[in-house]
């Protein structure tokens, strides 16, 4: 169990680390870059503001890994009477609904 969690953590780190250069290139293409315009800014060169997708991708890949390993080892059953899969889907949809209801 702990070995699987360590592998999931390393997998999330590696995926995020490998996806970060691609998200930097995407940020430059779409203009999601913070350009310092005055002396109040901390950075002296343009910094991309699009690192979130790399982190989210690493998280999603590690969750898929840990759920599939736990399902193979029969320590979690996504399709039994407790319906873990439906609970996870419901939590995800509720989270997305809360994001859409946020006011800025």
Protein backbone atom coordinates (compact mmCIF):
# COMPACT_ATOMS: atom_id res chain seq x y z
CA UNK A 1 0.00 0.00 0.00
CA UNK A 2 2.67 2.53 1.00
CA UNK A 3 4.77 1.53 -1.98
CA UNK A 4 1.85 2.27 -4.29
CA UNK A 5 1.36 5.66 -2.69
CA UNK A 6 5.07 6.44 -3.12
CA UNK A 7 4.87 5.41 -6.77
CA UNK A 8 1.79 7.60 -7.26
CA UNK A 9 3.63 10.54 -5.68
CA UNK A 10 6.67 10.03 -7.91
CA UNK A 11 4.44 9.60 -10.94
CA UNK A 12 2.70 12.91 -10.20
CA UNK A 13 6.07 14.63 -9.76
CA UNK A 14 7.51 13.22 -13.00
CA UNK A 15 4.40 14.00 -15.07
CA UNK A 16 4.26 17.56 -13.73
CA UNK A 17 7.98 18.03 -14.27
CA UNK A 18 7.79 16.77 -17.85
CA UNK A 19 4.62 18.75 -18.71
CA UNK A 20 5.87 22.09 -17.37
CA UNK A 21 8.01 23.05 -20.43
CA UNK A 22 5.05 22.39 -22.71
CA UNK A 23 2.76 24.55 -20.60
CA UNK A 24 5.38 27.31 -20.72
CA UNK A 25 5.34 27.17 -24.53
CA UNK A 26 1.54 27.20 -24.56
CA UNK A 27 1.52 30.18 -22.17
CA UNK A 28 3.79 32.12 -24.50
CA UNK A 29 1.60 31.29 -27.50
CA UNK A 30 -1.67 32.32 -25.86
CA UNK A 31 -0.22 35.34 -24.05
CA UNK A 32 -0.53 34.10 -20.46
CA UNK A 33 2.73 35.80 -19.50
CA UNK A 34 3.37 38.39 -16.80
CA UNK A 35 5.58 41.05 -18.35
CA UNK A 36 7.28 43.41 -15.85
CA UNK A 37 6.27 46.96 -16.73
CA UNK A 38 7.63 48.91 -13.79
CA UNK A 39 10.12 48.70 -10.92
CA UNK A 40 7.55 47.35 -8.45
CA UNK A 41 7.60 43.93 -10.09
CA UNK A 42 9.67 41.19 -8.55
CA UNK A 43 10.78 39.55 -11.80
CA UNK A 44 13.02 41.20 -14.33
CA UNK A 45 11.94 39.05 -17.29
CA UNK A 46 8.61 37.74 -18.55
CA UNK A 47 7.17 34.89 -16.44
CA UNK A 48 4.51 32.45 -17.69
CA UNK A 49 1.34 32.21 -15.58
CA UNK A 50 0.09 28.87 -16.90
CA UNK A 51 1.60 26.23 -14.59
CA UNK A 52 -1.68 24.90 -13.24
CA UNK A 53 -2.46 22.46 -16.06
CA UNK A 54 0.85 20.63 -15.54
CA UNK A 55 0.14 20.15 -11.84
CA UNK A 56 -3.45 19.09 -12.48
CA UNK A 57 -2.31 16.59 -15.12
CA UNK A 58 0.17 15.07 -12.66
CA UNK A 59 -2.54 14.80 -10.01
CA UNK A 60 -5.05 13.19 -12.38
CA UNK A 61 -2.50 10.64 -13.66
CA UNK A 62 -1.50 9.67 -10.12
CA UNK A 63 -5.15 9.31 -9.02
CA UNK A 64 -5.88 7.11 -12.03
CA UNK A 65 -2.83 5.00 -11.16
CA UNK A 66 -3.70 4.57 -7.48
CA UNK A 67 -7.37 3.78 -8.17
CA UNK A 68 -6.47 1.22 -10.84
CA UNK A 69 -3.87 -0.46 -8.60
CA UNK A 70 -6.29 -0.57 -5.67
CA UNK A 71 -8.96 -2.00 -7.97
CA UNK A 72 -6.59 -4.71 -9.23
CA UNK A 73 -5.54 -5.60 -5.68
CA UNK A 74 -9.23 -5.70 -4.63
CA UNK A 75 -8.66 -3.21 -1.83
CA UNK A 76 -11.29 -1.00 -3.44
CA UNK A 77 -14.19 -2.09 -5.58
CA UNK A 78 -15.64 0.68 -7.70
CA UNK A 79 -18.71 -1.31 -8.71
CA UNK A 80 -20.03 -2.85 -5.48
CA UNK A 81 -23.06 -1.86 -3.44
CA UNK A 82 -21.21 1.16 -1.98
CA UNK A 83 -20.74 2.51 -5.54
CA UNK A 84 -17.45 4.32 -4.96
CA UNK A 85 -17.32 5.26 -8.63
CA UNK A 86 -20.64 7.07 -8.47
CA UNK A 87 -19.60 8.82 -5.25
CA UNK A 88 -16.37 10.02 -6.88
CA UNK A 89 -18.27 11.20 -9.96
CA UNK A 90 -20.81 13.00 -7.77
CA UNK A 91 -18.07 14.73 -5.78
CA UNK A 92 -16.35 15.80 -9.00
CA UNK A 93 -19.55 17.17 -10.53
CA UNK A 94 -20.42 19.00 -7.29
CA UNK A 95 -16.93 20.56 -7.29
CA UNK A 96 -17.32 21.68 -10.91
CA UNK A 97 -20.73 23.14 -10.05
CA UNK A 98 -19.20 25.11 -7.17
CA UNK A 99 -16.52 26.50 -9.47
CA UNK A 100 -19.15 27.69 -11.94
CA UNK A 101 -21.12 29.40 -9.15
CA UNK A 102 -18.14 31.44 -7.90
CA UNK A 103 -18.40 35.20 -8.34
CA UNK A 104 -15.34 37.29 -8.96
